[in-house]
């Protein structure tokens, strides 16, 4: 069962999406056996950094090396969440020890966590109760630039205008955002 919620379309640089080719998708992980097979194929160097992840619109976790673009991991499609994820082994179990919604290509809101939790639970991975690093993304309604809100300061780093309190990065997902830049 997929947790209902918003799906996110890619809002990053268009040239990155045009470079996505069939076969670029992250590895779909549906079960503990899938995860074990994926993990066994990773090199020691890969485990030193978090991995790129998306939860696709079917609720499946997709994993790729960290320096992969989220849009490639998703095969160019919409996602229920995206970010970075780190694992470690505790005894005979895999554990998620860090996870974020850091994806400037999809800019998922923190409320995308339930889709991530559901995907991880389905696989049987021990996980935290939420994102260990939570990013807040907003689009400036004046200059239209995407921003990461830092330290609770809802101010555009590009033009200095105030940023909305509610998620508004993609006007296709949230009808309250205008593309005209009008206040």
C-alpha atoms as a PDB file:
ATOM      1  CA  UNK A   1       0.000   0.000   0.000  1.00  0.00           C
ATOM      2  CA  UNK A   2       1.342   3.396  -0.973  1.00  0.00           C
ATOM      3  CA  UNK A   3       0.906   6.252   1.458  1.00  0.00           C
ATOM      4  CA  UNK A   4      -1.228   8.926  -0.188  1.00  0.00           C
ATOM      5  CA  UNK A   5       0.502  12.246  -0.671  1.00  0.00           C
ATOM      6  CA  UNK A   6       1.941  14.557  -3.217  1.00  0.00           C
ATOM      7  CA  UNK A   7       4.202  13.357  -5.961  1.00  0.00           C
ATOM      8  CA  UNK A   8       7.027  15.573  -7.140  1.00  0.00           C
ATOM      9  CA  UNK A   9       8.082  16.221 -10.690  1.00  0.00           C
ATOM     10  CA  UNK A  10      11.630  17.166 -11.551  1.00  0.00           C
ATOM     11  CA  UNK A  11      12.166  20.941 -11.214  1.00  0.00           C
ATOM     12  CA  UNK A  12      15.955  21.081 -11.613  1.00  0.00           C
ATOM     13  CA  UNK A  13      18.014  22.062 -14.648  1.00  0.00           C
ATOM     14  CA  UNK A  14      16.317  20.861 -17.841  1.00  0.00           C
ATOM     15  CA  UNK A  15      19.625  19.743 -19.390  1.00  0.00           C
ATOM     16  CA  UNK A  16      20.052  17.124 -16.650  1.00  0.00           C
ATOM     17  CA  UNK A  17      16.678  15.591 -17.421  1.00  0.00           C
ATOM     18  CA  UNK A  18      17.400  15.457 -21.157  1.00  0.00           C
ATOM     19  CA  UNK A  19      20.538  13.410 -20.386  1.00  0.00           C
ATOM     20  CA  UNK A  20      18.531  10.616 -18.667  1.00  0.00           C
ATOM     21  CA  UNK A  21      18.619   7.420 -20.717  1.00  0.00           C
ATOM     22  CA  UNK A  22      16.879   4.065 -20.264  1.00  0.00           C
ATOM     23  CA  UNK A  23      18.971   2.012 -17.884  1.00  0.00           C
ATOM     24  CA  UNK A  24      20.072   5.051 -15.840  1.00  0.00           C
ATOM     25  CA  UNK A  25      17.431   4.341 -13.212  1.00  0.00           C
ATOM     26  CA  UNK A  26      18.457   3.527  -9.680  1.00  0.00           C
ATOM     27  CA  UNK A  27      18.160  -0.094  -8.583  1.00  0.00           C
ATOM     28  CA  UNK A  28      14.571  -0.856  -7.509  1.00  0.00           C
ATOM     29  CA  UNK A  29      14.560  -2.535  -4.124  1.00  0.00           C
ATOM     30  CA  UNK A  30      11.337  -4.333  -3.182  1.00  0.00           C
ATOM     31  CA  UNK A  31      12.474  -6.746  -0.479  1.00  0.00           C
ATOM     32  CA  UNK A  32      15.219  -7.650   1.962  1.00  0.00           C
ATOM     33  CA  UNK A  33      16.620 -10.089  -0.622  1.00  0.00           C
ATOM     34  CA  UNK A  34      16.731  -7.290  -3.244  1.00  0.00           C
ATOM     35  CA  UNK A  35      18.532  -5.057  -0.770  1.00  0.00           C
ATOM     36  CA  UNK A  36      21.030  -7.775   0.181  1.00  0.00           C
ATOM     37  CA  UNK A  37      21.830  -8.388  -3.499  1.00  0.00           C
ATOM     38  CA  UNK A  38      22.248  -4.659  -4.119  1.00  0.00           C
ATOM     39  CA  UNK A  39      24.418  -4.245  -0.995  1.00  0.00           C
ATOM     40  CA  UNK A  40      26.658  -7.181  -1.934  1.00  0.00           C
ATOM     41  CA  UNK A  41      27.467  -5.516  -5.265  1.00  0.00           C
ATOM     42  CA  UNK A  42      28.686  -2.281  -3.603  1.00  0.00           C
ATOM     43  CA  UNK A  43      32.397  -1.572  -3.241  1.00  0.00           C
ATOM     44  CA  UNK A  44      33.980  -0.640   0.082  1.00  0.00           C
ATOM     45  CA  UNK A  45      34.493   2.919  -1.212  1.00  0.00           C
ATOM     46  CA  UNK A  46      30.776   3.326  -1.949  1.00  0.00           C
ATOM     47  CA  UNK A  47      29.847   2.633   1.683  1.00  0.00           C
ATOM     48  CA  UNK A  48      31.886   5.654   2.833  1.00  0.00           C
ATOM     49  CA  UNK A  49      29.213   8.051   1.579  1.00  0.00           C
ATOM     50  CA  UNK A  50      25.428   8.138   1.578  1.00  0.00           C
ATOM     51  CA  UNK A  51      23.612   6.927  -1.531  1.00  0.00           C
ATOM     52  CA  UNK A  52      21.141   8.746  -3.759  1.00  0.00           C
ATOM     53  CA  UNK A  53      17.576   7.511  -3.333  1.00  0.00           C
ATOM     54  CA  UNK A  54      14.090   8.142  -4.630  1.00  0.00           C
ATOM     55  CA  UNK A  55      10.776   6.556  -3.806  1.00  0.00           C
ATOM     56  CA  UNK A  56       9.012   6.142  -7.137  1.00  0.00           C
ATOM     57  CA  UNK A  57       5.279   6.650  -7.602  1.00  0.00           C
ATOM     58  CA  UNK A  58       4.684   2.930  -7.094  1.00  0.00           C
ATOM     59  CA  UNK A  59       6.254   3.226  -3.630  1.00  0.00           C
ATOM     60  CA  UNK A  60       9.480   1.385  -4.504  1.00  0.00           C
ATOM     61  CA  UNK A  61      12.836   2.519  -3.146  1.00  0.00           C
ATOM     62  CA  UNK A  62      15.403   3.162  -5.877  1.00  0.00           C
ATOM     63  CA  UNK A  63      19.094   3.420  -4.963  1.00  0.00           C
ATOM     64  CA  UNK A  64      22.081   4.789  -6.874  1.00  0.00           C
ATOM     65  CA  UNK A  65      25.619   5.983  -6.097  1.00  0.00           C
ATOM     66  CA  UNK A  66      25.727   9.320  -4.256  1.00  0.00           C
ATOM     67  CA  UNK A  67      26.940  11.425  -7.137  1.00  0.00           C
ATOM     68  CA  UNK A  68      24.045  10.235  -9.292  1.00  0.00           C
ATOM     69  CA  UNK A  69      21.387  12.763 -10.172  1.00  0.00           C
ATOM     70  CA  UNK A  70      18.021  12.128  -8.563  1.00  0.00           C
ATOM     71  CA  UNK A  71      16.297  12.582 -11.927  1.00  0.00           C
ATOM     72  CA  UNK A  72      18.447   9.754 -13.368  1.00  0.00           C
ATOM     73  CA  UNK A  73      17.749   7.558 -10.330  1.00  0.00           C
ATOM     74  CA  UNK A  74      14.024   8.115 -10.967  1.00  0.00           C
ATOM     75  CA  UNK A  75      14.328   7.482 -14.702  1.00  0.00           C
ATOM     76  CA  UNK A  76      13.069  11.024 -15.293  1.00  0.00           C
ATOM     77  CA  UNK A  77       9.722  10.319 -13.646  1.00  0.00           C
ATOM     78  CA  UNK A  78       7.804  11.724 -10.720  1.00  0.00           C
ATOM     79  CA  UNK A  79       8.698  10.634  -7.179  1.00  0.00           C
ATOM     80  CA  UNK A  80       7.056  10.462  -3.769  1.00  0.00           C
ATOM     81  CA  UNK A  81      10.352  11.503  -2.139  1.00  0.00           C
ATOM     82  CA  UNK A  82      14.055  11.884  -2.885  1.00  0.00           C
ATOM     83  CA  UNK A  83      17.263  12.486  -0.984  1.00  0.00           C
ATOM     84  CA  UNK A  84      20.373  10.834   0.383  1.00  0.00           C
ATOM     85  CA  UNK A  85      20.556   7.727   2.573  1.00  0.00           C
ATOM     86  CA  UNK A  86      23.314   6.014   4.530  1.00  0.00           C
ATOM     87  CA  UNK A  87      23.373   2.459   5.867  1.00  0.00           C
ATOM     88  CA  UNK A  88      25.425   0.346   8.222  1.00  0.00           C
ATOM     89  CA  UNK A  89      25.347  -3.271   9.272  1.00  0.00           C
ATOM     90  CA  UNK A  90      24.311  -4.205  12.826  1.00  0.00           C
ATOM     91  CA  UNK A  91      24.796  -7.924  13.318  1.00  0.00           C
ATOM     92  CA  UNK A  92      22.857  -9.592  10.526  1.00  0.00           C
ATOM     93  CA  UNK A  93      20.614  -6.565   9.836  1.00  0.00           C
ATOM     94  CA  UNK A  94      20.985  -3.467   7.717  1.00  0.00           C
ATOM     95  CA  UNK A  95      20.153  -0.174   9.414  1.00  0.00           C
ATOM     96  CA  UNK A  96      19.460   3.267   7.950  1.00  0.00           C
ATOM     97  CA  UNK A  97      21.604   5.572  10.055  1.00  0.00           C
ATOM     98  CA  UNK A  98      21.151   8.822   8.134  1.00  0.00           C
ATOM     99  CA  UNK A  99      18.591  10.006   5.636  1.00  0.00           C
ATOM    100  CA  UNK A 100      17.632  13.368   4.211  1.00  0.00           C
ATOM    101  CA  UNK A 101      15.271  14.885   1.700  1.00  0.00           C
ATOM    102  CA  UNK A 102      18.203  16.702   0.092  1.00  0.00           C
ATOM    103  CA  UNK A 103      17.360  16.789  -3.587  1.00  0.00           C
ATOM    104  CA  UNK A 104      17.550  20.131  -5.346  1.00  0.00           C
ATOM    105  CA  UNK A 105      16.154  18.469  -8.472  1.00  0.00           C
ATOM    106  CA  UNK A 106      12.857  17.427  -6.857  1.00  0.00           C
ATOM    107  CA  UNK A 107      12.858  19.634  -3.713  1.00  0.00           C
ATOM    108  CA  UNK A 108      10.594  17.277  -1.747  1.00  0.00           C
ATOM    109  CA  UNK A 109       8.893  18.620   1.349  1.00  0.00           C
ATOM    110  CA  UNK A 110       9.598  16.997   4.698  1.00  0.00           C
ATOM    111  CA  UNK A 111       6.032  15.667   4.650  1.00  0.00           C
ATOM    112  CA  UNK A 112       7.244  13.127   2.073  1.00  0.00           C
ATOM    113  CA  UNK A 113       8.659  11.046   4.955  1.00  0.00           C
ATOM    114  CA  UNK A 114       5.707   8.601   5.224  1.00  0.00           C
ATOM    115  CA  UNK A 115       6.372   7.332   1.676  1.00  0.00           C
ATOM    116  CA  UNK A 116      10.032   6.758   2.571  1.00  0.00           C
ATOM    117  CA  UNK A 117       9.143   5.036   5.858  1.00  0.00           C
ATOM    118  CA  UNK A 118       6.701   2.748   4.084  1.00  0.00           C
ATOM    119  CA  UNK A 119       9.272   1.771   1.428  1.00  0.00           C
ATOM    120  CA  UNK A 120      11.932   1.048   4.063  1.00  0.00           C
ATOM    121  CA  UNK A 121       9.494  -0.917   6.238  1.00  0.00           C
ATOM    122  CA  UNK A 122       8.461  -3.037   3.257  1.00  0.00           C
ATOM    123  CA  UNK A 123      12.118  -3.963   2.733  1.00  0.00           C
ATOM    124  CA  UNK A 124      12.586  -4.647   6.434  1.00  0.00           C
ATOM    125  CA  UNK A 125      15.270  -2.044   7.054  1.00  0.00           C
ATOM    126  CA  UNK A 126      15.583  -0.592  10.533  1.00  0.00           C
ATOM    127  CA  UNK A 127      15.145   3.162  10.224  1.00  0.00           C
ATOM    128  CA  UNK A 128      14.858   6.417  12.183  1.00  0.00           C
ATOM    129  CA  UNK A 129      11.419   7.903  12.860  1.00  0.00           C
ATOM    130  CA  UNK A 130      11.962  10.729  10.372  1.00  0.00           C
ATOM    131  CA  UNK A 131      14.568  12.418   8.196  1.00  0.00           C
ATOM    132  CA  UNK A 132      17.782  12.783  10.194  1.00  0.00           C
ATOM    133  CA  UNK A 133      18.580  15.885   8.123  1.00  0.00           C
ATOM    134  CA  UNK A 134      15.516  17.795   6.984  1.00  0.00           C
ATOM    135  CA  UNK A 135      15.682  20.369   4.205  1.00  0.00           C
ATOM    136  CA  UNK A 136      13.065  23.072   3.637  1.00  0.00           C
ATOM    137  CA  UNK A 137      12.678  24.106  -0.003  1.00  0.00           C
ATOM    138  CA  UNK A 138      10.748  27.132  -1.252  1.00  0.00           C
ATOM    139  CA  UNK A 139      10.457  29.011  -4.532  1.00  0.00           C
ATOM    140  CA  UNK A 140      10.667  32.784  -4.325  1.00  0.00           C
ATOM    141  CA  UNK A 141       7.415  34.241  -5.630  1.00  0.00           C
ATOM    142  CA  UNK A 142       9.288  37.355  -6.793  1.00  0.00           C
ATOM    143  CA  UNK A 143      12.358  36.064  -8.666  1.00  0.00           C
ATOM    144  CA  UNK A 144      11.192  32.408  -9.053  1.00  0.00           C
ATOM    145  CA  UNK A 145      14.491  30.946  -7.783  1.00  0.00           C
ATOM    146  CA  UNK A 146      14.481  27.730  -5.745  1.00  0.00           C
ATOM    147  CA  UNK A 147      15.830  28.209  -2.206  1.00  0.00           C
ATOM    148  CA  UNK A 148      16.874  26.095   0.745  1.00  0.00           C
ATOM    149  CA  UNK A 149      15.564  27.766   3.898  1.00  0.00           C
ATOM    150  CA  UNK A 150      18.354  27.955   6.451  1.00  0.00           C
ATOM    151  CA  UNK A 151      17.974  28.439  10.187  1.00  0.00           C
ATOM    152  CA  UNK A 152      14.269  29.179   9.835  1.00  0.00           C
ATOM    153  CA  UNK A 153      14.912  32.357   7.815  1.00  0.00           C
ATOM    154  CA  UNK A 154      12.311  32.415   5.038  1.00  0.00           C
ATOM    155  CA  UNK A 155      14.227  34.936   2.900  1.00  0.00           C
ATOM    156  CA  UNK A 156      15.307  34.458  -0.708  1.00  0.00           C
ATOM    157  CA  UNK A 157      19.103  34.308  -0.967  1.00  0.00           C
ATOM    158  CA  UNK A 158      18.901  35.654  -4.528  1.00  0.00           C
ATOM    159  CA  UNK A 159      16.687  38.748  -4.182  1.00  0.00           C
ATOM    160  CA  UNK A 160      16.023  39.147  -0.440  1.00  0.00           C
ATOM    161  CA  UNK A 161      12.248  38.822  -0.745  1.00  0.00           C
ATOM    162  CA  UNK A 162      10.253  36.836   1.830  1.00  0.00           C
ATOM    163  CA  UNK A 163       9.625  33.178   1.071  1.00  0.00           C
ATOM    164  CA  UNK A 164       6.247  31.502   1.643  1.00  0.00           C
ATOM    165  CA  UNK A 165       5.698  29.407   4.767  1.00  0.00           C
ATOM    166  CA  UNK A 166       4.085  26.577   2.725  1.00  0.00           C
ATOM    167  CA  UNK A 167       5.884  24.385   0.204  1.00  0.00           C
ATOM    168  CA  UNK A 168       5.520  25.974  -3.243  1.00  0.00           C
ATOM    169  CA  UNK A 169       8.441  24.816  -5.347  1.00  0.00           C
ATOM    170  CA  UNK A 170       6.377  23.438  -8.222  1.00  0.00           C
ATOM    171  CA  UNK A 171       3.340  25.353  -9.455  1.00  0.00           C
ATOM    172  CA  UNK A 172       2.053  22.154 -11.090  1.00  0.00           C
ATOM    173  CA  UNK A 173       1.827  20.574  -7.620  1.00  0.00           C
ATOM    174  CA  UNK A 174       0.521  23.582  -5.707  1.00  0.00           C
ATOM    175  CA  UNK A 175      -1.919  25.885  -7.471  1.00  0.00           C
ATOM    176  CA  UNK A 176      -1.129  28.821  -5.184  1.00  0.00           C
ATOM    177  CA  UNK A 177       2.131  29.678  -6.918  1.00  0.00           C
ATOM    178  CA  UNK A 178       2.066  31.949  -9.939  1.00  0.00           C
ATOM    179  CA  UNK A 179       4.712  31.865 -12.596  1.00  0.00           C
ATOM    180  CA  UNK A 180       4.437  35.584 -13.289  1.00  0.00           C
ATOM    181  CA  UNK A 181       6.555  36.624 -10.335  1.00  0.00           C
ATOM    182  CA  UNK A 182       3.794  38.961  -9.201  1.00  0.00           C
ATOM    183  CA  UNK A 183       3.328  39.646  -5.493  1.00  0.00           C
END
